Amino acid sequence: MKVLAVIDRFEGDKAVLLLDDEEVQVIWPRESLPSEAQEGDVITMVLQVDHEATIAAKAEAERLLKEIMERNQEG
């Protein structure tokens, strides 16, 4: 899915982006934008699910929950 955003302004190390026609404001790290990006530029953001990262995050959450449960049973 592609999302268009306009760089409304910069506030220190943050950028204020206006997304799509609704102009929803999003605060974004300035360092994550292309170095040549300026106020008024239109940028394209591609959103997609990272399945591998999702699986890894779920596995880590399950591992932590198991660890907590084991500690509670010991005490």
PDB file of N, CA and C in Angstrom:
ATOM      1  N   MET A   1       0.848  -1.171   0.000  1.00  0.00           N
ATOM      2  CA  MET A   1       0.000   0.000   0.000  1.00  0.00           C
ATOM      3  C   MET A   1       0.897   1.238   0.000  1.00  0.00           C
ATOM      4  N   LYS A   2       0.608   2.166  -0.886  1.00  0.00           N
ATOM      5  CA  LYS A   2       1.371   3.410  -0.942  1.00  0.00           C
ATOM      6  C   LYS A   2       0.578   4.534  -0.296  1.00  0.00           C
ATOM      7  N   VAL A   3       1.280   5.343   0.487  1.00  0.00           N
ATOM      8  CA  VAL A   3       0.675   6.496   1.145  1.00  0.00           C
ATOM      9  C   VAL A   3       1.468   7.728   0.723  1.00  0.00           C
ATOM     10  N   LEU A   4       0.758   8.766   0.287  1.00  0.00           N
ATOM     11  CA  LEU A   4       1.412  10.031  -0.043  1.00  0.00           C
ATOM     12  C   LEU A   4       1.382  10.939   1.177  1.00  0.00           C
ATOM     13  N   ALA A   5       2.471  11.638   1.393  1.00  0.00           N
ATOM     14  CA  ALA A   5       2.561  12.568   2.514  1.00  0.00           C
ATOM     15  C   ALA A   5       3.271  13.833   2.044  1.00  0.00           C
ATOM     16  N   VAL A   6       2.859  14.957   2.599  1.00  0.00           N
ATOM     17  CA  VAL A   6       3.516  16.235   2.343  1.00  0.00           C
ATOM     18  C   VAL A   6       4.286  16.609   3.602  1.00  0.00           C
ATOM     19  N   ILE A   7       5.526  17.033   3.416  1.00  0.00           N
ATOM     20  CA  ILE A   7       6.306  17.520   4.558  1.00  0.00           C
ATOM     21  C   ILE A   7       5.809  18.925   4.852  1.00  0.00           C
ATOM     22  N   ASP A   8       5.039  19.054   5.928  1.00  0.00           N
ATOM     23  CA  ASP A   8       4.456  20.348   6.292  1.00  0.00           C
ATOM     24  C   ASP A   8       5.516  21.292   6.856  1.00  0.00           C
ATOM     25  N   ARG A   9       6.323  20.745   7.785  1.00  0.00           N
ATOM     26  CA  ARG A   9       7.345  21.588   8.414  1.00  0.00           C
ATOM     27  C   ARG A   9       8.302  20.697   9.210  1.00  0.00           C
ATOM     28  N   PHE A  10       9.411  21.289   9.570  1.00  0.00           N
ATOM     29  CA  PHE A  10      10.379  20.635  10.445  1.00  0.00           C
ATOM     30  C   PHE A  10      10.364  21.335  11.792  1.00  0.00           C
ATOM     31  N   GLU A  11      10.426  20.541  12.849  1.00  0.00           N
ATOM     32  CA  GLU A  11      10.505  21.045  14.220  1.00  0.00           C
ATOM     33  C   GLU A  11      11.676  20.347  14.886  1.00  0.00           C
ATOM     34  N   GLY A  12      12.839  20.979  14.821  1.00  0.00           N
ATOM     35  CA  GLY A  12      14.040  20.357  15.369  1.00  0.00           C
ATOM     36  C   GLY A  12      14.391  19.109  14.589  1.00  0.00           C
ATOM     37  N   ASP A  13      14.485  17.974  15.299  1.00  0.00           N
ATOM     38  CA  ASP A  13      14.841  16.722  14.637  1.00  0.00           C
ATOM     39  C   ASP A  13      13.624  15.926  14.188  1.00  0.00           C
ATOM     40  N   LYS A  14      12.454  16.560  14.194  1.00  0.00           N
ATOM     41  CA  LYS A  14      11.205  15.920  13.768  1.00  0.00           C
ATOM     42  C   LYS A  14      10.650  16.614  12.530  1.00  0.00           C
ATOM     43  N   ALA A  15       9.890  15.855  11.747  1.00  0.00           N
ATOM     44  CA  ALA A  15       9.168  16.404  10.599  1.00  0.00           C
ATOM     45  C   ALA A  15       7.686  16.190  10.847  1.00  0.00           C
ATOM     46  N   VAL A  16       6.873  17.159  10.489  1.00  0.00           N
ATOM     47  CA  VAL A  16       5.431  17.025  10.575  1.00  0.00           C
ATOM     48  C   VAL A  16       4.944  16.697   9.166  1.00  0.00           C
ATOM     49  N   LEU A  17       4.390  15.498   9.019  1.00  0.00           N
ATOM     50  CA  LEU A  17       3.889  15.048   7.726  1.00  0.00           C
ATOM     51  C   LEU A  17       2.372  15.126   7.718  1.00  0.00           C
ATOM     52  N   LEU A  18       1.807  15.488   6.574  1.00  0.00           N
ATOM     53  CA  LEU A  18       0.358  15.472   6.379  1.00  0.00           C
ATOM     54  C   LEU A  18       0.054  14.336   5.417  1.00  0.00           C
ATOM     55  N   LEU A  19      -0.706  13.346   5.893  1.00  0.00           N
ATOM     56  CA  LEU A  19      -0.963  12.158   5.099  1.00  0.00           C
ATOM     57  C   LEU A  19      -2.241  12.279   4.287  1.00  0.00           C
ATOM     58  N   ASP A  20      -2.142  11.911   3.025  1.00  0.00           N
ATOM     59  CA  ASP A  20      -3.277  11.809   2.107  1.00  0.00           C
ATOM     60  C   ASP A  20      -4.181  13.033   2.137  1.00  0.00           C
ATOM     61  N   ASP A  21      -5.388  12.862   1.639  1.00  0.00           N
ATOM     62  CA  ASP A  21      -6.339  13.967   1.528  1.00  0.00           C
ATOM     63  C   ASP A  21      -6.882  14.416   2.881  1.00  0.00           C
ATOM     64  N   GLU A  22      -6.895  13.515   3.864  1.00  0.00           N
ATOM     65  CA  GLU A  22      -7.427  13.863   5.181  1.00  0.00           C
ATOM     66  C   GLU A  22      -6.463  14.753   5.953  1.00  0.00           C
ATOM     67  N   GLU A  23      -5.235  14.844   5.481  1.00  0.00           N
ATOM     68  CA  GLU A  23      -4.180  15.626   6.120  1.00  0.00           C
ATOM     69  C   GLU A  23      -3.988  15.274   7.598  1.00  0.00           C
ATOM     70  N   VAL A  24      -3.988  13.987   7.872  1.00  0.00           N
ATOM     71  CA  VAL A  24      -3.694  13.506   9.220  1.00  0.00           C
ATOM     72  C   VAL A  24      -2.231  13.832   9.504  1.00  0.00           C
ATOM     73  N   GLN A  25      -1.962  14.453  10.657  1.00  0.00           N
ATOM     74  CA  GLN A  25      -0.592  14.829  11.014  1.00  0.00           C
ATOM     75  C   GLN A  25       0.128  13.655  11.663  1.00  0.00           C
ATOM     76  N   VAL A  26       1.336  13.424  11.195  1.00  0.00           N
ATOM     77  CA  VAL A  26       2.197  12.392  11.762  1.00  0.00           C
ATOM     78  C   VAL A  26       3.550  13.025  12.039  1.00  0.00           C
ATOM     79  N   ILE A  27       4.083  12.784  13.222  1.00  0.00           N
ATOM     80  CA  ILE A  27       5.421  13.263  13.580  1.00  0.00           C
ATOM     81  C   ILE A  27       6.394  12.150  13.200  1.00  0.00           C
ATOM     82  N   TRP A  28       7.416  12.517  12.430  1.00  0.00           N
ATOM     83  CA  TRP A  28       8.329  11.522  11.878  1.00  0.00           C
ATOM     84  C   TRP A  28       9.766  11.961  12.160  1.00  0.00           C
ATOM     85  N   PRO A  29      10.659  11.027  12.447  1.00  0.00           N
ATOM     86  CA  PRO A  29      12.056  11.407  12.663  1.00  0.00           C
ATOM     87  C   PRO A  29      12.658  11.998  11.379  1.00  0.00           C
ATOM     88  N   ARG A  30      13.220  13.156  11.487  1.00  0.00           N
ATOM     89  CA  ARG A  30      13.794  13.826  10.316  1.00  0.00           C
ATOM     90  C   ARG A  30      14.896  12.986   9.676  1.00  0.00           C
ATOM     91  N   GLU A  31      15.671  12.284  10.523  1.00  0.00           N
ATOM     92  CA  GLU A  31      16.777  11.471  10.015  1.00  0.00           C
ATOM     93  C   GLU A  31      16.303  10.297   9.159  1.00  0.00           C
ATOM     94  N   SER A  32      15.019   9.929   9.254  1.00  0.00           N
ATOM     95  CA  SER A  32      14.477   8.825   8.468  1.00  0.00           C
ATOM     96  C   SER A  32      13.980   9.261   7.093  1.00  0.00           C
ATOM     97  N   LEU A  33      14.011  10.552   6.839  1.00  0.00           N
ATOM     98  CA  LEU A  33      13.615  11.081   5.532  1.00  0.00           C
ATOM     99  C   LEU A  33      14.843  11.190   4.635  1.00  0.00           C
ATOM    100  N   PRO A  34      14.643  11.233   3.324  1.00  0.00           N
ATOM    101  CA  PRO A  34      15.789  11.463   2.438  1.00  0.00           C
ATOM    102  C   PRO A  34      16.488  12.767   2.812  1.00  0.00           C
ATOM    103  N   SER A  35      17.799  12.797   2.707  1.00  0.00           N
ATOM    104  CA  SER A  35      18.576  13.967   3.143  1.00  0.00           C
ATOM    105  C   SER A  35      18.203  15.231   2.384  1.00  0.00           C
ATOM    106  N   GLU A  36      17.736  15.086   1.153  1.00  0.00           N
ATOM    107  CA  GLU A  36      17.391  16.264   0.357  1.00  0.00           C
ATOM    108  C   GLU A  36      15.946  16.740   0.569  1.00  0.00           C
ATOM    109  N   ALA A  37      15.178  16.058   1.426  1.00  0.00           N
ATOM    110  CA  ALA A  37      13.769  16.411   1.649  1.00  0.00           C
ATOM    111  C   ALA A  37      13.641  17.806   2.248  1.00  0.00           C
ATOM    112  N   GLN A  38      12.655  18.550   1.726  1.00  0.00           N
ATOM    113  CA  GLN A  38      12.409  19.909   2.193  1.00  0.00           C
ATOM    114  C   GLN A  38      10.927  20.093   2.482  1.00  0.00           C
ATOM    115  N   GLU A  39      10.606  21.159   3.217  1.00  0.00           N
ATOM    116  CA  GLU A  39       9.206  21.487   3.478  1.00  0.00           C
ATOM    117  C   GLU A  39       8.483  21.650   2.142  1.00  0.00           C
ATOM    118  N   GLY A  40       7.297  21.089   2.062  1.00  0.00           N
ATOM    119  CA  GLY A  40       6.496  21.163   0.847  1.00  0.00           C
ATOM    120  C   GLY A  40       6.692  19.989  -0.093  1.00  0.00           C
ATOM    121  N   ASP A  41       7.739  19.190   0.120  1.00  0.00           N
ATOM    122  CA  ASP A  41       7.964  18.025  -0.730  1.00  0.00           C
ATOM    123  C   ASP A  41       6.891  16.970  -0.477  1.00  0.00           C
ATOM    124  N   VAL A  42       6.517  16.273  -1.546  1.00  0.00           N
ATOM    125  CA  VAL A  42       5.609  15.139  -1.444  1.00  0.00           C
ATOM    126  C   VAL A  42       6.469  13.886  -1.436  1.00  0.00           C
ATOM    127  N   ILE A  43       6.238  13.028  -0.463  1.00  0.00           N
ATOM    128  CA  ILE A  43       6.982  11.774  -0.381  1.00  0.00           C
ATOM    129  C   ILE A  43       6.003  10.613  -0.468  1.00  0.00           C
ATOM    130  N   THR A  44       6.504   9.485  -0.922  1.00  0.00           N
ATOM    131  CA  THR A  44       5.713   8.269  -1.006  1.00  0.00           C
ATOM    132  C   THR A  44       6.216   7.307   0.056  1.00  0.00           C
ATOM    133  N   MET A  45       5.298   6.762   0.827  1.00  0.00           N
ATOM    134  CA  MET A  45       5.640   5.784   1.856  1.00  0.00           C
ATOM    135  C   MET A  45       4.971   4.470   1.468  1.00  0.00           C
ATOM    136  N   VAL A  46       5.730   3.385   1.508  1.00  0.00           N
ATOM    137  CA  VAL A  46       5.189   2.077   1.180  1.00  0.00           C
ATOM    138  C   VAL A  46       5.009   1.304   2.480  1.00  0.00           C
ATOM    139  N   LEU A  47       3.783   0.870   2.728  1.00  0.00           N
ATOM    140  CA  LEU A  47       3.467   0.118   3.944  1.00  0.00           C
ATOM    141  C   LEU A  47       3.241  -1.339   3.579  1.00  0.00           C
ATOM    142  N   GLN A  48       3.904  -2.216   4.302  1.00  0.00           N
ATOM    143  CA  GLN A  48       3.711  -3.641   4.076  1.00  0.00           C
ATOM    144  C   GLN A  48       3.981  -4.381   5.376  1.00  0.00           C
ATOM    145  N   VAL A  49       3.410  -5.546   5.498  1.00  0.00           N
ATOM    146  CA  VAL A  49       3.607  -6.371   6.686  1.00  0.00           C
ATOM    147  C   VAL A  49       4.937  -7.104   6.540  1.00  0.00           C
ATOM    148  N   ASP A  50       5.744  -7.052   7.584  1.00  0.00           N
ATOM    149  CA  ASP A  50       6.996  -7.804   7.624  1.00  0.00           C
ATOM    150  C   ASP A  50       6.711  -9.092   8.387  1.00  0.00           C
ATOM    151  N   HIS A  51       6.434 -10.149   7.639  1.00  0.00           N
ATOM    152  CA  HIS A  51       6.015 -11.409   8.253  1.00  0.00           C
ATOM    153  C   HIS A  51       7.107 -12.024   9.122  1.00  0.00           C
ATOM    154  N   GLU A  52       8.354 -11.952   8.679  1.00  0.00           N
ATOM    155  CA  GLU A  52       9.444 -12.525   9.464  1.00  0.00           C
ATOM    156  C   GLU A  52       9.606 -11.801  10.797  1.00  0.00           C
ATOM    157  N   ALA A  53       9.532 -10.466  10.781  1.00  0.00           N
ATOM    158  CA  ALA A  53       9.650  -9.697  12.020  1.00  0.00           C
ATOM    159  C   ALA A  53       8.465  -9.971  12.941  1.00  0.00           C
ATOM    160  N   THR A  54       7.279 -10.164  12.364  1.00  0.00           N
ATOM    161  CA  THR A  54       6.092 -10.467  13.165  1.00  0.00           C
ATOM    162  C   THR A  54       6.255 -11.808  13.875  1.00  0.00           C
ATOM    163  N   ILE A  55       6.722 -12.798  13.155  1.00  0.00           N
ATOM    164  CA  ILE A  55       6.941 -14.126  13.747  1.00  0.00           C
ATOM    165  C   ILE A  55       7.986 -14.043  14.855  1.00  0.00           C
ATOM    166  N   ALA A  56       9.075 -13.311  14.605  1.00  0.00           N
ATOM    167  CA  ALA A  56      10.130 -13.174  15.615  1.00  0.00           C
ATOM    168  C   ALA A  56       9.612 -12.450  16.856  1.00  0.00           C
ATOM    169  N   ALA A  57       8.803 -11.405  16.670  1.00  0.00           N
ATOM    170  CA  ALA A  57       8.261 -10.656  17.813  1.00  0.00           C
ATOM    171  C   ALA A  57       7.323 -11.533  18.636  1.00  0.00           C
ATOM    172  N   LYS A  58       6.492 -12.323  17.975  1.00  0.00           N
ATOM    173  CA  LYS A  58       5.586 -13.226  18.697  1.00  0.00           C
ATOM    174  C   LYS A  58       6.371 -14.272  19.479  1.00  0.00           C
ATOM    175  N   ALA A  59       7.416 -14.808  18.865  1.00  0.00           N
ATOM    176  CA  ALA A  59       8.236 -15.810  19.551  1.00  0.00           C
ATOM    177  C   ALA A  59       8.920 -15.204  20.777  1.00  0.00           C
ATOM    178  N   GLU A  60       9.410 -13.976  20.665  1.00  0.00           N
ATOM    179  CA  GLU A  60      10.051 -13.306  21.803  1.00  0.00           C
ATOM    180  C   GLU A  60       9.045 -13.039  22.919  1.00  0.00           C
ATOM    181  N   ALA A  61       7.838 -12.628  22.567  1.00  0.00           N
ATOM    182  CA  ALA A  61       6.800 -12.381  23.574  1.00  0.00           C
ATOM    183  C   ALA A  61       6.443 -13.671  24.296  1.00  0.00           C
ATOM    184  N   GLU A  62       6.327 -14.765  23.550  1.00  0.00           N
ATOM    185  CA  GLU A  62       6.023 -16.065  24.174  1.00  0.00           C
ATOM    186  C   GLU A  62       7.151 -16.508  25.089  1.00  0.00           C
ATOM    187  N   ARG A  63       8.406 -16.290  24.669  1.00  0.00           N
ATOM    188  CA  ARG A  63       9.559 -16.654  25.488  1.00  0.00           C
ATOM    189  C   ARG A  63       9.567 -15.865  26.803  1.00  0.00           C
ATOM    190  N   LEU A  64       9.298 -14.559  26.707  1.00  0.00           N
ATOM    191  CA  LEU A  64       9.271 -13.724  27.911  1.00  0.00           C
ATOM    192  C   LEU A  64       8.135 -14.128  28.842  1.00  0.00           C
ATOM    193  N   LEU A  65       6.966 -14.418  28.281  1.00  0.00           N
ATOM    194  CA  LEU A  65       5.838 -14.844  29.110  1.00  0.00           C
ATOM    195  C   LEU A  65       6.157 -16.156  29.821  1.00  0.00           C
ATOM    196  N   LYS A  66       6.770 -17.087  29.096  1.00  0.00           N
ATOM    197  CA  LYS A  66       7.151 -18.368  29.701  1.00  0.00           C
ATOM    198  C   LYS A  66       8.139 -18.144  30.839  1.00  0.00           C
ATOM    199  N   GLU A  67       9.105 -17.253  30.628  1.00  0.00           N
ATOM    200  CA  GLU A  67      10.105 -16.945  31.654  1.00  0.00           C
ATOM    201  C   GLU A  67       9.438 -16.356  32.899  1.00  0.00           C
ATOM    202  N   ILE A  68       8.509 -15.442  32.696  1.00  0.00           N
ATOM    203  CA  ILE A  68       7.787 -14.819  33.822  1.00  0.00           C
ATOM    204  C   ILE A  68       6.975 -15.861  34.570  1.00  0.00           C
ATOM    205  N   MET A  69       6.300 -16.716  33.841  1.00  0.00           N
ATOM    206  CA  MET A  69       5.472 -17.754  34.483  1.00  0.00           C
ATOM    207  C   MET A  69       6.341 -18.715  35.309  1.00  0.00           C
ATOM    208  N   GLU A  70       7.492 -19.070  34.779  1.00  0.00           N
ATOM    209  CA  GLU A  70       8.392 -19.966  35.509  1.00  0.00           C
ATOM    210  C   GLU A  70       8.915 -19.303  36.777  1.00  0.00           C
ATOM    211  N   ARG A  71       9.234 -18.013  36.713  1.00  0.00           N
ATOM    212  CA  ARG A  71       9.709 -17.294  37.902  1.00  0.00           C
ATOM    213  C   ARG A  71       8.603 -17.213  38.961  1.00  0.00           C
ATOM    214  N   ASN A  72       7.366 -17.006  38.530  1.00  0.00           N
ATOM    215  CA  ASN A  72       6.247 -16.919  39.473  1.00  0.00           C
ATOM    216  C   ASN A  72       6.012 -18.255  40.162  1.00  0.00           C
ATOM    217  N   GLN A  73       6.229 -19.348  39.467  1.00  0.00           N
ATOM    218  CA  GLN A  73       6.026 -20.661  40.072  1.00  0.00           C
ATOM    219  C   GLN A  73       7.124 -21.003  41.077  1.00  0.00           C
ATOM    220  N   GLU A  74       8.313 -20.451  40.859  1.00  0.00           N
ATOM    221  CA  GLU A  74       9.434 -20.692  41.766  1.00  0.00           C
ATOM    222  C   GLU A  74       9.263 -19.935  43.084  1.00  0.00           C
ATOM    223  N   GLY A  75       8.654 -18.754  42.997  1.00  0.00           N
ATOM    224  CA  GLY A  75       8.579 -17.875  44.167  1.00  0.00           C
ATOM    225  C   GLY A  75       7.349 -18.085  44.909  1.00  0.00           C
TER     226      GLY A  75
END
